[in-house]
Amino acid sequence: MKKILLFLACFLLLAALACNWLSVPRTEAPAGPPAFIPPTEGLPPVTQPEQAATSTPLPAVTATIPPAFTPTPLPVPSSVTAPAEAATLAPPLNTGSPYAVILVAQNDSLNVRQAAGTSSTVVEQLPAQATGIHLTGREAAMDGDRWVEIQRSGGGTGWVNAIYLAEYVSPQTFCADQRVTALIDDLDSALSASDGEKLSALVSPAHGLNLHYLRAGTVANYSPAEARFVFTSEYVANWGIHPGSGMDVKGTFHGEVLPTLLDLFNASYEMHCSDIVTGGTTYITSWPYEYRNINFYSLVKPGSPGVELDWRTWLAGVEYVDGKPYLFALMHFFWEP
């Protein structure tokens, strides 16, 4: 009996000790949710891309302005793309000189309207080859176009888009004008020296310079401002399909066109007024009908003896603005297979 009581006493003592151990708090356990470190902490700062861009200066925009191109062989504009205020900066009107129609297709005509603007009533139509047109001296800017008032053949006045008019000079007067040969000499000098400022001063301020590098290719129109940069501009133009290879001819003015011009001017070239002269072609050569009232010279490099086929011709069209001759067009002919 004593052994049983002793056993029970030991059991109760062990039970009490166990309860006291369970009631002690466990301080190593977390007291709340863990603290999260933001994922960006400790990472290197991100470099902003726009900061790197400012370290490299952009090239001057005007130095790479591409010329205006038209996919058709002839530049026959439907409107003038200059802003309206350009009319005040346009070359002065020479009311003392008769004018002629240009840039109008053979089977088309130039509308004469009652007032400036294409919304005005048509009162007369001038043939594409019309000459003897006299200006009154009045002009207006309408929707970006320069309009001039003319004296109508049957009396009264009307308005036409000035882009389709040029001062008329007879072929006889043109061929006798020594200023034209001086103009071509200045072109030679500007090209040889890659002098953009000098070339710019030779380009027509009324219509720019229409460049026909390939006779059936695209036509590039250079304004005087654009002509200033042709020797430095890296703009790559598609000049059209080469008649020999059938491949697109692409390149800059100074890389593709300039060498062929210098090939002529560096040779003993010939000059023929108002007459197309070549070294022999497999195609029909002609001065565009739209240029009918623009005079020109043929600048011809004859073929080498024994080779003959390396001849080259550039036609130089000349427009008069306020009585002074300027370059209007350059058209390239060469032997084609």
Protein backbone atom coordinates (compact mmCIF):
# COMPACT_ATOMS: atom_id res chain seq x y z
CA MET A 1 0.00 0.00 0.00
CA LYS A 2 2.83 2.41 0.85
CA LYS A 3 4.42 1.68 -2.55
CA ILE A 4 1.18 2.62 -4.32
CA LEU A 5 0.90 5.93 -2.47
CA LEU A 6 4.54 6.75 -3.19
CA PHE A 7 4.00 6.06 -6.92
CA LEU A 8 0.94 8.33 -7.03
CA ALA A 9 2.82 11.17 -5.32
CA CYS A 10 5.67 10.97 -7.87
CA PHE A 11 3.20 10.95 -10.75
CA LEU A 12 1.41 14.07 -9.49
CA LEU A 13 4.73 15.88 -9.01
CA LEU A 14 5.86 15.16 -12.61
CA ALA A 15 2.47 16.30 -14.00
CA ALA A 16 2.75 19.66 -12.24
CA LEU A 17 6.24 20.25 -13.59
CA ALA A 18 5.08 19.51 -17.16
CA CYS A 19 2.25 22.08 -16.97
CA ASN A 20 4.63 24.81 -15.78
CA TRP A 21 7.00 24.15 -18.73
CA LEU A 22 4.21 24.48 -21.34
CA SER A 23 3.14 27.89 -19.97
CA VAL A 24 6.53 29.59 -20.60
CA PRO A 25 6.34 31.90 -23.73
CA ARG A 26 8.60 31.01 -26.74
CA THR A 27 10.44 34.26 -27.55
CA GLU A 28 12.27 32.92 -30.67
CA ALA A 29 9.04 32.69 -32.63
CA PRO A 30 8.21 35.74 -34.97
CA ALA A 31 5.88 38.25 -33.38
CA GLY A 32 4.30 39.43 -36.71
CA PRO A 33 4.56 39.25 -40.52
CA PRO A 34 8.11 39.52 -42.01
CA ALA A 35 9.39 42.91 -43.29
CA PHE A 36 9.68 42.91 -47.11
CA ILE A 37 12.55 44.81 -48.78
CA PRO A 38 11.41 46.66 -51.90
CA PRO A 39 12.83 44.88 -54.98
CA THR A 40 14.52 48.10 -56.23
CA GLU A 41 16.54 48.61 -53.04
CA GLY A 42 20.20 47.93 -53.55
CA LEU A 43 19.96 47.98 -57.40
CA PRO A 44 22.08 50.40 -59.48
CA PRO A 45 20.28 53.46 -60.85
CA VAL A 46 18.74 53.18 -64.35
CA THR A 47 20.34 55.40 -67.01
CA GLN A 48 17.77 57.57 -68.77
CA PRO A 49 18.04 57.16 -72.61
CA GLU A 50 17.23 60.81 -73.36
CA GLN A 51 20.36 61.89 -71.46
CA ALA A 52 22.56 59.93 -73.81
CA ALA A 53 20.81 61.41 -76.85
CA THR A 54 21.76 64.95 -75.92
CA SER A 55 25.45 64.12 -76.06
CA THR A 56 25.36 63.78 -79.89
CA PRO A 57 24.28 66.94 -81.72
CA LEU A 58 21.78 66.54 -84.56
CA PRO A 59 22.88 67.57 -88.05
CA ALA A 60 21.48 70.75 -89.55
CA VAL A 61 18.16 69.93 -91.19
CA THR A 62 18.63 72.27 -94.12
CA ALA A 63 21.83 70.51 -95.15
CA THR A 64 19.98 67.32 -96.07
CA ILE A 65 16.72 68.66 -97.48
CA PRO A 66 15.86 66.37 -100.39
CA PRO A 67 14.71 67.96 -103.63
CA ALA A 68 11.13 67.63 -104.76
CA PHE A 69 10.70 64.55 -106.95
CA THR A 70 7.94 63.68 -109.37
CA PRO A 71 7.46 60.09 -110.65
CA THR A 72 6.55 61.33 -114.12
CA PRO A 73 9.24 62.27 -116.66
CA LEU A 74 8.06 65.88 -116.71
CA PRO A 75 7.30 68.24 -113.83
CA VAL A 76 3.73 69.35 -114.52
CA PRO A 77 2.59 70.63 -111.11
CA SER A 78 -1.09 70.90 -110.32
CA SER A 79 -0.43 73.58 -107.73
CA VAL A 80 2.31 75.53 -106.03
CA THR A 81 3.27 74.03 -102.68
CA ALA A 82 4.80 77.20 -101.26
CA PRO A 83 2.98 78.89 -98.37
CA ALA A 84 0.72 81.82 -99.14
CA GLU A 85 3.16 84.36 -97.77
CA ALA A 86 5.72 83.21 -100.34
CA ALA A 87 3.95 85.42 -102.89
CA THR A 88 5.48 88.47 -101.25
CA LEU A 89 8.94 86.89 -101.54
CA ALA A 90 8.53 85.75 -105.16
CA PRO A 91 10.61 87.37 -107.93
CA PRO A 92 9.21 90.67 -109.17
CA LEU A 93 6.87 90.75 -112.15
CA ASN A 94 8.37 92.05 -115.36
CA THR A 95 5.34 93.83 -116.83
CA GLY A 96 7.45 95.20 -119.66
CA SER A 97 8.10 91.72 -121.08
CA PRO A 98 5.61 89.37 -122.74
CA TYR A 99 5.06 86.00 -121.08
CA ALA A 100 4.48 82.49 -122.43
CA VAL A 101 2.77 79.35 -121.18
CA ILE A 102 5.01 76.56 -119.83
CA LEU A 103 4.55 73.23 -117.99
CA VAL A 104 1.24 72.50 -119.72
CA ALA A 105 0.85 69.22 -121.62
CA GLN A 106 0.40 69.25 -125.39
CA ASN A 107 -3.29 68.35 -125.35
CA ASP A 108 -4.13 70.52 -122.36
CA SER A 109 -4.69 74.25 -121.86
CA LEU A 110 -4.20 76.89 -119.19
CA ASN A 111 -7.36 78.22 -117.55
CA VAL A 112 -7.84 81.97 -117.26
CA ARG A 113 -10.23 82.75 -114.40
CA GLN A 114 -12.34 85.70 -113.48
CA ALA A 115 -10.56 86.07 -110.14
CA ALA A 116 -7.59 84.46 -108.39
CA GLY A 117 -8.21 80.89 -107.22
CA THR A 118 -9.40 77.63 -108.72
CA SER A 119 -12.94 78.18 -107.45
CA SER A 120 -13.40 81.21 -109.72
CA THR A 121 -15.15 80.98 -113.11
CA VAL A 122 -13.06 80.10 -116.18
CA VAL A 123 -13.34 82.92 -118.71
CA GLU A 124 -10.73 81.79 -121.26
CA GLN A 125 -8.31 78.97 -122.02
CA LEU A 126 -4.78 79.51 -123.32
CA PRO A 127 -3.11 76.91 -125.58
CA ALA A 128 -0.10 75.06 -124.16
CA GLN A 129 2.22 76.88 -126.60
CA ALA A 130 0.71 80.37 -126.17
CA THR A 131 3.01 83.40 -126.21
CA GLY A 132 2.53 87.16 -126.18
CA ILE A 133 0.79 87.21 -122.80
CA HIS A 134 0.96 90.55 -121.00
CA LEU A 135 0.64 91.06 -117.25
CA THR A 136 -1.13 93.99 -115.62
CA GLY A 137 1.18 93.98 -112.60
CA ARG A 138 -1.46 92.81 -110.12
CA GLU A 139 -0.94 89.59 -108.20
CA ALA A 140 -2.54 87.69 -105.33
CA ALA A 141 -1.84 84.72 -103.07
CA MET A 142 -4.63 82.15 -102.93
CA ASP A 143 -4.43 78.76 -101.19
CA GLY A 144 -0.65 78.84 -101.36
CA ASP A 145 -0.54 79.66 -105.07
CA ARG A 146 0.71 82.83 -106.69
CA TRP A 147 -1.82 84.24 -109.14
CA VAL A 148 -1.20 87.04 -111.63
CA GLU A 149 -3.61 89.16 -113.62
CA ILE A 150 -3.21 89.16 -117.41
CA GLN A 151 -4.71 91.08 -120.28
CA ARG A 152 -7.08 88.86 -122.21
CA SER A 153 -6.80 88.59 -125.99
CA GLY A 154 -10.40 89.66 -126.54
CA GLY A 155 -10.27 92.54 -124.07
CA GLY A 156 -10.59 92.71 -120.32
CA THR A 157 -8.48 90.88 -117.77
CA GLY A 158 -8.27 87.48 -116.12
CA TRP A 159 -6.17 85.56 -113.61
CA VAL A 160 -3.80 82.60 -114.07
CA ASN A 161 -1.56 80.54 -111.80
CA ALA A 162 1.90 82.09 -112.16
CA ILE A 163 3.67 78.71 -112.04
CA TYR A 164 2.55 78.16 -115.66
CA LEU A 165 4.06 81.38 -117.02
CA ALA A 166 7.61 82.41 -117.93
CA GLU A 167 9.03 85.49 -119.59
CA TYR A 168 9.12 84.96 -123.34
CA VAL A 169 12.40 85.40 -125.19
CA SER A 170 12.67 84.51 -128.87
CA PRO A 171 15.27 81.88 -129.87
CA GLN A 172 17.12 84.50 -131.94
CA THR A 173 17.42 86.89 -128.98
CA PHE A 174 18.38 84.04 -126.69
CA CYS A 175 21.17 82.70 -128.90
CA ALA A 176 22.64 86.20 -129.23
CA ASP A 177 22.60 86.85 -125.46
CA GLN A 178 26.17 86.62 -124.15
CA ARG A 179 24.84 86.53 -120.59
CA VAL A 180 23.63 82.99 -121.28
CA THR A 181 27.10 81.73 -122.24
CA ALA A 182 28.43 83.47 -119.13
CA LEU A 183 25.75 81.64 -117.11
CA ILE A 184 26.98 78.30 -118.46
CA ASP A 185 30.58 79.25 -117.67
CA ASP A 186 29.46 80.05 -114.11
CA LEU A 187 27.75 76.65 -113.93
CA ASP A 188 31.03 75.00 -114.95
CA SER A 189 32.85 76.96 -112.25
CA ALA A 190 30.29 76.16 -109.53
CA LEU A 191 30.31 72.43 -110.30
CA SER A 192 34.09 72.20 -110.54
CA ALA A 193 34.52 73.91 -107.17
CA SER A 194 31.49 72.21 -105.54
CA ASP A 195 30.36 75.73 -104.67
CA GLY A 196 26.79 75.52 -103.43
CA GLU A 197 26.41 79.26 -102.89
CA LYS A 198 27.42 80.00 -106.47
CA LEU A 199 25.15 77.28 -107.87
CA SER A 200 22.24 78.57 -105.80
CA ALA A 201 22.60 82.02 -107.38
CA LEU A 202 22.29 80.49 -110.88
CA VAL A 203 19.02 78.60 -110.25
CA SER A 204 15.71 80.14 -111.33
CA PRO A 205 14.01 81.84 -108.37
CA ALA A 206 10.66 81.38 -110.11
CA HIS A 207 10.68 77.64 -110.93
CA GLY A 208 13.88 76.19 -109.50
CA LEU A 209 16.04 73.73 -111.46
CA ASN A 210 14.45 70.62 -113.00
CA LEU A 211 17.09 67.88 -113.22
CA HIS A 212 16.53 65.01 -115.69
CA TYR A 213 19.39 62.65 -114.95
CA LEU A 214 17.85 59.73 -116.85
CA ARG A 215 15.66 60.73 -119.79
CA ALA A 216 12.83 58.40 -118.71
CA GLY A 217 13.50 58.63 -114.99
CA THR A 218 12.29 60.83 -112.20
CA VAL A 219 12.68 64.59 -112.28
CA ALA A 220 14.24 66.33 -109.29
CA ASN A 221 13.36 69.98 -108.71
CA TYR A 222 15.91 71.99 -106.74
CA SER A 223 14.95 75.36 -105.36
CA PRO A 224 17.82 77.88 -104.99
CA ALA A 225 17.91 77.04 -101.26
CA GLU A 226 18.15 73.29 -101.94
CA ALA A 227 20.80 73.78 -104.63
CA ARG A 228 23.04 75.30 -101.97
CA PHE A 229 23.45 71.89 -100.30
CA VAL A 230 23.68 69.44 -103.23
CA PHE A 231 27.44 69.02 -102.83
CA THR A 232 27.21 68.03 -99.16
CA SER A 233 23.79 66.45 -98.78
CA GLU A 234 23.78 62.68 -98.19
CA TYR A 235 20.19 62.30 -99.40
CA VAL A 236 20.01 59.21 -101.64
CA ALA A 237 17.60 59.62 -104.54
CA ASN A 238 16.16 57.02 -106.88
CA TRP A 239 16.88 58.52 -110.30
CA GLY A 240 15.03 55.84 -112.24
CA ILE A 241 15.83 52.64 -114.13
CA HIS A 242 19.11 52.49 -116.03
CA PRO A 243 18.38 51.72 -119.70
CA GLY A 244 21.31 49.31 -119.92
CA SER A 245 21.20 47.30 -116.70
CA GLY A 246 17.50 47.61 -115.98
CA MET A 247 18.39 48.32 -112.33
CA ASP A 248 17.33 51.28 -110.22
CA VAL A 249 19.94 54.02 -110.16
CA LYS A 250 20.26 55.32 -106.61
CA GLY A 251 22.71 57.79 -105.19
CA THR A 252 23.38 61.29 -103.98
CA PHE A 253 23.73 64.25 -106.32
CA HIS A 254 27.45 64.57 -105.68
CA GLY A 255 28.02 60.83 -105.92
CA GLU A 256 25.89 59.98 -108.97
CA VAL A 257 25.06 63.07 -111.01
CA LEU A 258 28.02 65.38 -110.46
CA PRO A 259 30.65 63.04 -112.03
CA THR A 260 28.72 62.97 -115.33
CA LEU A 261 28.46 66.77 -115.39
CA LEU A 262 32.17 67.14 -114.68
CA ASP A 263 32.92 64.53 -117.34
CA LEU A 264 31.43 66.98 -119.84
CA PHE A 265 32.78 70.25 -118.46
CA ASN A 266 36.29 68.85 -118.02
CA ALA A 267 36.34 67.86 -121.69
CA SER A 268 36.52 70.03 -124.81
CA TYR A 269 32.77 70.31 -125.09
CA GLU A 270 30.71 71.96 -127.80
CA MET A 271 27.78 74.37 -127.43
CA HIS A 272 24.81 74.36 -129.82
CA CYS A 273 21.98 76.86 -129.32
CA SER A 274 18.36 75.66 -129.60
CA ASP A 275 19.43 72.42 -131.25
CA ILE A 276 19.76 68.93 -129.77
CA VAL A 277 23.11 67.45 -130.72
CA THR A 278 24.31 64.02 -129.59
CA GLY A 279 26.86 61.42 -130.66
CA GLY A 280 24.20 59.09 -132.02
CA THR A 281 21.31 57.43 -130.20
CA THR A 282 19.08 54.37 -130.40
CA TYR A 283 16.14 56.48 -129.20
CA ILE A 284 14.38 59.70 -130.17
CA THR A 285 15.74 62.78 -128.42
CA SER A 286 13.49 65.76 -127.81
CA TRP A 287 13.12 68.85 -125.67
CA PRO A 288 9.92 68.33 -123.61
CA TYR A 289 6.80 69.90 -125.07
CA GLU A 290 6.08 71.40 -121.67
CA TYR A 291 9.36 73.32 -122.07
CA ARG A 292 8.45 74.54 -125.56
CA ASN A 293 8.77 78.20 -124.56
CA ILE A 294 12.02 77.67 -122.63
CA ASN A 295 15.20 78.08 -124.69
CA PHE A 296 18.18 75.77 -124.29
CA TYR A 297 21.75 74.97 -125.25
CA SER A 298 23.16 71.54 -126.08
CA LEU A 299 26.42 70.99 -124.23
CA VAL A 300 28.14 68.10 -126.02
CA LYS A 301 31.19 66.02 -125.20
CA PRO A 302 32.02 64.22 -128.47
CA GLY A 303 32.91 60.53 -128.44
CA SER A 304 36.56 59.55 -128.19
CA PRO A 305 38.22 58.57 -131.50
CA GLY A 306 37.98 54.84 -131.93
CA VAL A 307 35.38 54.54 -129.16
CA GLU A 308 32.72 57.06 -130.18
CA LEU A 309 30.06 55.69 -127.82
CA ASP A 310 31.38 57.55 -124.78
CA TRP A 311 29.81 60.82 -125.94
CA ARG A 312 27.62 62.74 -123.52
CA THR A 313 25.08 65.58 -123.89
CA TRP A 314 23.54 67.80 -121.27
CA LEU A 315 20.77 70.19 -122.36
CA ALA A 316 20.74 73.40 -120.32
CA GLY A 317 17.34 75.12 -120.27
CA VAL A 318 17.36 78.81 -119.40
CA GLU A 319 14.51 80.91 -118.01
CA TYR A 320 14.47 84.70 -117.78
CA VAL A 321 13.30 86.21 -114.50
CA ASP A 322 12.97 90.00 -114.46
CA GLY A 323 15.01 90.06 -117.65
CA LYS A 324 17.93 88.01 -116.27
CA PRO A 325 18.80 84.45 -117.42
CA TYR A 326 18.73 81.61 -114.88
CA LEU A 327 19.03 77.82 -115.01
CA PHE A 328 15.64 76.19 -115.46
CA ALA A 329 16.47 72.59 -116.46
CA LEU A 330 19.30 70.15 -117.08
CA MET A 331 18.59 67.06 -119.19
CA HIS A 332 21.05 64.20 -119.70
CA PHE A 333 21.52 62.12 -122.87
CA PHE A 334 24.08 59.36 -123.43
CA TRP A 335 24.45 56.24 -125.52
CA GLU A 336 22.01 53.48 -124.61
CA PRO A 337 22.20 49.88 -125.89
